[in-house]
Amino acid sequence: MENLSLKKYVWKCVLGAEIAYAACLTGGFLPLRSVRGLELHHALFETIPGFNLD
């Protein structure tokens, strides 16, 4: 087996986070959420620095 490269690991983590972030943003535009889902969505976005839902 091949050893895991730290550089490759970090880039894969960054890429995965960007994909998850894009999916979350895209999900924000879909009108298929319940009231509880909308509250959860807003709570998650409040944890992102500099992101404000007003």
PDB file of N, CA and C in Angstrom:
ATOM      1  N   MET A   1       0.835  -1.191   0.000  1.00  0.00           N
ATOM      2  CA  MET A   1       0.000   0.000   0.000  1.00  0.00           C
ATOM      3  C   MET A   1       0.869   1.239   0.000  1.00  0.00           C
ATOM      4  N   GLU A   2       0.320   2.250  -0.586  1.00  0.00           N
ATOM      5  CA  GLU A   2       1.033   3.519  -0.706  1.00  0.00           C
ATOM      6  C   GLU A   2       0.759   4.390   0.521  1.00  0.00           C
ATOM      7  N   ASN A   3       1.771   5.124   0.964  1.00  0.00           N
ATOM      8  CA  ASN A   3       1.593   6.043   2.079  1.00  0.00           C
ATOM      9  C   ASN A   3       0.750   7.229   1.646  1.00  0.00           C
ATOM     10  N   LEU A   4      -0.012   7.763   2.593  1.00  0.00           N
ATOM     11  CA  LEU A   4      -0.849   8.918   2.323  1.00  0.00           C
ATOM     12  C   LEU A   4      -0.010  10.186   2.382  1.00  0.00           C
ATOM     13  N   SER A   5      -0.070  10.979   1.332  1.00  0.00           N
ATOM     14  CA  SER A   5       0.647  12.235   1.288  1.00  0.00           C
ATOM     15  C   SER A   5      -0.166  13.293   2.041  1.00  0.00           C
ATOM     16  N   LEU A   6       0.467  14.032   2.918  1.00  0.00           N
ATOM     17  CA  LEU A   6      -0.217  15.068   3.685  1.00  0.00           C
ATOM     18  C   LEU A   6      -0.788  16.131   2.762  1.00  0.00           C
ATOM     19  N   LYS A   7      -0.042  16.501   1.748  1.00  0.00           N
ATOM     20  CA  LYS A   7      -0.497  17.533   0.810  1.00  0.00           C
ATOM     21  C   LYS A   7      -1.767  17.071   0.080  1.00  0.00           C
ATOM     22  N   LYS A   8      -1.789  15.822  -0.386  1.00  0.00           N
ATOM     23  CA  LYS A   8      -2.976  15.300  -1.069  1.00  0.00           C
ATOM     24  C   LYS A   8      -4.156  15.227  -0.111  1.00  0.00           C
ATOM     25  N   TYR A   9      -3.898  14.819   1.119  1.00  0.00           N
ATOM     26  CA  TYR A   9      -4.951  14.713   2.117  1.00  0.00           C
ATOM     27  C   TYR A   9      -5.585  16.077   2.393  1.00  0.00           C
ATOM     28  N   VAL A  10      -4.758  17.099   2.567  1.00  0.00           N
ATOM     29  CA  VAL A  10      -5.264  18.445   2.842  1.00  0.00           C
ATOM     30  C   VAL A  10      -6.090  18.947   1.669  1.00  0.00           C
ATOM     31  N   TRP A  11      -5.599  18.758   0.450  1.00  0.00           N
ATOM     32  CA  TRP A  11      -6.340  19.225  -0.726  1.00  0.00           C
ATOM     33  C   TRP A  11      -7.664  18.491  -0.873  1.00  0.00           C
ATOM     34  N   LYS A  12      -7.712  17.216  -0.550  1.00  0.00           N
ATOM     35  CA  LYS A  12      -8.968  16.471  -0.629  1.00  0.00           C
ATOM     36  C   LYS A  12      -9.949  16.959   0.436  1.00  0.00           C
ATOM     37  N   CYS A  13      -9.459  17.295   1.608  1.00  0.00           N
ATOM     38  CA  CYS A  13     -10.326  17.844   2.655  1.00  0.00           C
ATOM     39  C   CYS A  13     -10.889  19.206   2.244  1.00  0.00           C
ATOM     40  N   VAL A  14     -10.042  20.044   1.676  1.00  0.00           N
ATOM     41  CA  VAL A  14     -10.480  21.362   1.210  1.00  0.00           C
ATOM     42  C   VAL A  14     -11.523  21.210   0.104  1.00  0.00           C
ATOM     43  N   LEU A  15     -11.260  20.334  -0.847  1.00  0.00           N
ATOM     44  CA  LEU A  15     -12.197  20.104  -1.942  1.00  0.00           C
ATOM     45  C   LEU A  15     -13.532  19.582  -1.415  1.00  0.00           C
ATOM     46  N   GLY A  16     -13.490  18.658  -0.483  1.00  0.00           N
ATOM     47  CA  GLY A  16     -14.721  18.135   0.103  1.00  0.00           C
ATOM     48  C   GLY A  16     -15.509  19.208   0.830  1.00  0.00           C
ATOM     49  N   ALA A  17     -14.819  20.085   1.547  1.00  0.00           N
ATOM     50  CA  ALA A  17     -15.493  21.172   2.254  1.00  0.00           C
ATOM     51  C   ALA A  17     -16.135  22.142   1.268  1.00  0.00           C
ATOM     52  N   GLU A  18     -15.454  22.433   0.158  1.00  0.00           N
ATOM     53  CA  GLU A  18     -16.014  23.332  -0.839  1.00  0.00           C
ATOM     54  C   GLU A  18     -17.243  22.722  -1.509  1.00  0.00           C
ATOM     55  N   ILE A  19     -17.215  21.429  -1.754  1.00  0.00           N
ATOM     56  CA  ILE A  19     -18.369  20.755  -2.351  1.00  0.00           C
ATOM     57  C   ILE A  19     -19.552  20.780  -1.380  1.00  0.00           C
ATOM     58  N   ALA A  20     -19.288  20.514  -0.113  1.00  0.00           N
ATOM     59  CA  ALA A  20     -20.353  20.544   0.895  1.00  0.00           C
ATOM     60  C   ALA A  20     -20.931  21.950   1.034  1.00  0.00           C
ATOM     61  N   TYR A  21     -20.077  22.963   0.989  1.00  0.00           N
ATOM     62  CA  TYR A  21     -20.521  24.352   1.087  1.00  0.00           C
ATOM     63  C   TYR A  21     -21.393  24.722  -0.114  1.00  0.00           C
ATOM     64  N   ALA A  22     -20.962  24.330  -1.316  1.00  0.00           N
ATOM     65  CA  ALA A  22     -21.738  24.613  -2.522  1.00  0.00           C
ATOM     66  C   ALA A  22     -23.089  23.895  -2.475  1.00  0.00           C
ATOM     67  N   ALA A  23     -23.104  22.665  -1.981  1.00  0.00           N
ATOM     68  CA  ALA A  23     -24.363  21.925  -1.865  1.00  0.00           C
ATOM     69  C   ALA A  23     -25.298  22.599  -0.865  1.00  0.00           C
ATOM     70  N   CYS A  24     -24.739  23.108   0.203  1.00  0.00           N
ATOM     71  CA  CYS A  24     -25.538  23.786   1.215  1.00  0.00           C
ATOM     72  C   CYS A  24     -26.116  25.089   0.657  1.00  0.00           C
ATOM     73  N   LEU A  25     -25.310  25.842  -0.080  1.00  0.00           N
ATOM     74  CA  LEU A  25     -25.802  27.072  -0.697  1.00  0.00           C
ATOM     75  C   LEU A  25     -26.893  26.766  -1.715  1.00  0.00           C
ATOM     76  N   THR A  26     -26.682  25.749  -2.522  1.00  0.00           N
ATOM     77  CA  THR A  26     -27.674  25.374  -3.526  1.00  0.00           C
ATOM     78  C   THR A  26     -28.970  24.934  -2.847  1.00  0.00           C
ATOM     79  N   GLY A  27     -28.854  24.190  -1.782  1.00  0.00           N
ATOM     80  CA  GLY A  27     -30.030  23.749  -1.040  1.00  0.00           C
ATOM     81  C   GLY A  27     -30.815  24.901  -0.446  1.00  0.00           C
ATOM     82  N   GLY A  28     -30.150  26.017  -0.218  1.00  0.00           N
ATOM     83  CA  GLY A  28     -30.828  27.198   0.317  1.00  0.00           C
ATOM     84  C   GLY A  28     -31.800  27.820  -0.658  1.00  0.00           C
ATOM     85  N   PHE A  29     -31.637  27.549  -1.930  1.00  0.00           N
ATOM     86  CA  PHE A  29     -32.519  28.118  -2.942  1.00  0.00           C
ATOM     87  C   PHE A  29     -33.705  27.201  -3.275  1.00  0.00           C
ATOM     88  N   LEU A  30     -33.717  25.993  -2.735  1.00  0.00           N
ATOM     89  CA  LEU A  30     -34.809  25.065  -3.011  1.00  0.00           C
ATOM     90  C   LEU A  30     -35.971  25.317  -2.053  1.00  0.00           C
ATOM     91  N   PRO A  31     -37.179  25.395  -2.553  1.00  0.00           N
ATOM     92  CA  PRO A  31     -38.339  25.684  -1.686  1.00  0.00           C
ATOM     93  C   PRO A  31     -38.932  24.425  -1.052  1.00  0.00           C
ATOM     94  N   LEU A  32     -38.148  23.368  -0.878  1.00  0.00           N
ATOM     95  CA  LEU A  32     -38.660  22.095  -0.385  1.00  0.00           C
ATOM     96  C   LEU A  32     -38.361  21.872   1.094  1.00  0.00           C
ATOM     97  N   ARG A  33     -38.206  22.921   1.864  1.00  0.00           N
ATOM     98  CA  ARG A  33     -37.842  22.768   3.267  1.00  0.00           C
ATOM     99  C   ARG A  33     -39.040  23.003   4.183  1.00  0.00           C
ATOM    100  N   SER A  34     -39.009  22.359   5.309  1.00  0.00           N
ATOM    101  CA  SER A  34     -40.018  22.612   6.345  1.00  0.00           C
ATOM    102  C   SER A  34     -39.533  23.803   7.182  1.00  0.00           C
ATOM    103  N   VAL A  35     -40.377  24.243   8.088  1.00  0.00           N
ATOM    104  CA  VAL A  35     -40.003  25.367   8.953  1.00  0.00           C
ATOM    105  C   VAL A  35     -38.804  24.981   9.819  1.00  0.00           C
ATOM    106  N   ARG A  36     -38.819  23.774  10.349  1.00  0.00           N
ATOM    107  CA  ARG A  36     -37.691  23.311  11.181  1.00  0.00           C
ATOM    108  C   ARG A  36     -36.420  23.203  10.349  1.00  0.00           C
ATOM    109  N   GLY A  37     -36.533  22.731   9.115  1.00  0.00           N
ATOM    110  CA  GLY A  37     -35.383  22.646   8.221  1.00  0.00           C
ATOM    111  C   GLY A  37     -34.818  24.026   7.907  1.00  0.00           C
ATOM    112  N   LEU A  38     -35.697  24.988   7.724  1.00  0.00           N
ATOM    113  CA  LEU A  38     -35.255  26.354   7.453  1.00  0.00           C
ATOM    114  C   LEU A  38     -34.515  26.936   8.650  1.00  0.00           C
ATOM    115  N   GLU A  39     -35.008  26.668   9.852  1.00  0.00           N
ATOM    116  CA  GLU A  39     -34.325  27.139  11.064  1.00  0.00           C
ATOM    117  C   GLU A  39     -32.935  26.513  11.190  1.00  0.00           C
ATOM    118  N   LEU A  40     -32.850  25.224  10.897  1.00  0.00           N
ATOM    119  CA  LEU A  40     -31.559  24.539  10.949  1.00  0.00           C
ATOM    120  C   LEU A  40     -30.598  25.109   9.910  1.00  0.00           C
ATOM    121  N   HIS A  41     -31.109  25.357   8.721  1.00  0.00           N
ATOM    122  CA  HIS A  41     -30.287  25.922   7.650  1.00  0.00           C
ATOM    123  C   HIS A  41     -29.718  27.279   8.068  1.00  0.00           C
ATOM    124  N   HIS A  42     -30.561  28.131   8.641  1.00  0.00           N
ATOM    125  CA  HIS A  42     -30.097  29.444   9.097  1.00  0.00           C
ATOM    126  C   HIS A  42     -29.085  29.306  10.226  1.00  0.00           C
ATOM    127  N   ALA A  43     -29.314  28.372  11.135  1.00  0.00           N
ATOM    128  CA  ALA A  43     -28.381  28.166  12.249  1.00  0.00           C
ATOM    129  C   ALA A  43     -27.017  27.711  11.734  1.00  0.00           C
ATOM    130  N   LEU A  44     -27.004  26.850  10.714  1.00  0.00           N
ATOM    131  CA  LEU A  44     -25.728  26.400  10.153  1.00  0.00           C
ATOM    132  C   LEU A  44     -24.991  27.547   9.468  1.00  0.00           C
ATOM    133  N   PHE A  45     -25.728  28.371   8.733  1.00  0.00           N
ATOM    134  CA  PHE A  45     -25.081  29.488   8.046  1.00  0.00           C
ATOM    135  C   PHE A  45     -24.557  30.531   9.018  1.00  0.00           C
ATOM    136  N   GLU A  46     -25.163  30.650  10.184  1.00  0.00           N
ATOM    137  CA  GLU A  46     -24.679  31.606  11.186  1.00  0.00           C
ATOM    138  C   GLU A  46     -23.323  31.207  11.728  1.00  0.00           C
ATOM    139  N   THR A  47     -22.907  29.964  11.560  1.00  0.00           N
ATOM    140  CA  THR A  47     -21.602  29.532  12.042  1.00  0.00           C
ATOM    141  C   THR A  47     -20.481  29.896  11.066  1.00  0.00           C
ATOM    142  N   ILE A  48     -20.847  30.327   9.850  1.00  0.00           N
ATOM    143  CA  ILE A  48     -19.838  30.706   8.845  1.00  0.00           C
ATOM    144  C   ILE A  48     -19.437  32.151   9.090  1.00  0.00           C
ATOM    145  N   PRO A  49     -18.163  32.434   9.297  1.00  0.00           N
ATOM    146  CA  PRO A  49     -17.732  33.812   9.556  1.00  0.00           C
ATOM    147  C   PRO A  49     -18.064  34.730   8.373  1.00  0.00           C
ATOM    148  N   GLY A  50     -18.628  35.886   8.681  1.00  0.00           N
ATOM    149  CA  GLY A  50     -18.928  36.878   7.661  1.00  0.00           C
ATOM    150  C   GLY A  50     -20.201  36.621   6.884  1.00  0.00           C
ATOM    151  N   PHE A  51     -20.940  35.584   7.218  1.00  0.00           N
ATOM    152  CA  PHE A  51     -22.180  35.268   6.497  1.00  0.00           C
ATOM    153  C   PHE A  51     -23.345  35.692   7.350  1.00  0.00           C
ATOM    154  N   ASN A  52     -24.205  36.541   6.813  1.00  0.00           N
ATOM    155  CA  ASN A  52     -25.309  37.102   7.580  1.00  0.00           C
ATOM    156  C   ASN A  52     -26.612  36.879   6.830  1.00  0.00           C
ATOM    157  N   LEU A  53     -27.604  36.263   7.477  1.00  0.00           N
ATOM    158  CA  LEU A  53     -28.924  36.077   6.889  1.00  0.00           C
ATOM    159  C   LEU A  53     -29.874  37.080   7.523  1.00  0.00           C
ATOM    160  N   ASP A  54     -30.179  38.125   6.822  1.00  0.00           N
ATOM    161  CA  ASP A  54     -31.130  39.118   7.331  1.00  0.00           C
ATOM    162  C   ASP A  54     -32.355  39.169   6.470  1.00  0.00           C
TER     163      ASP A  54
END
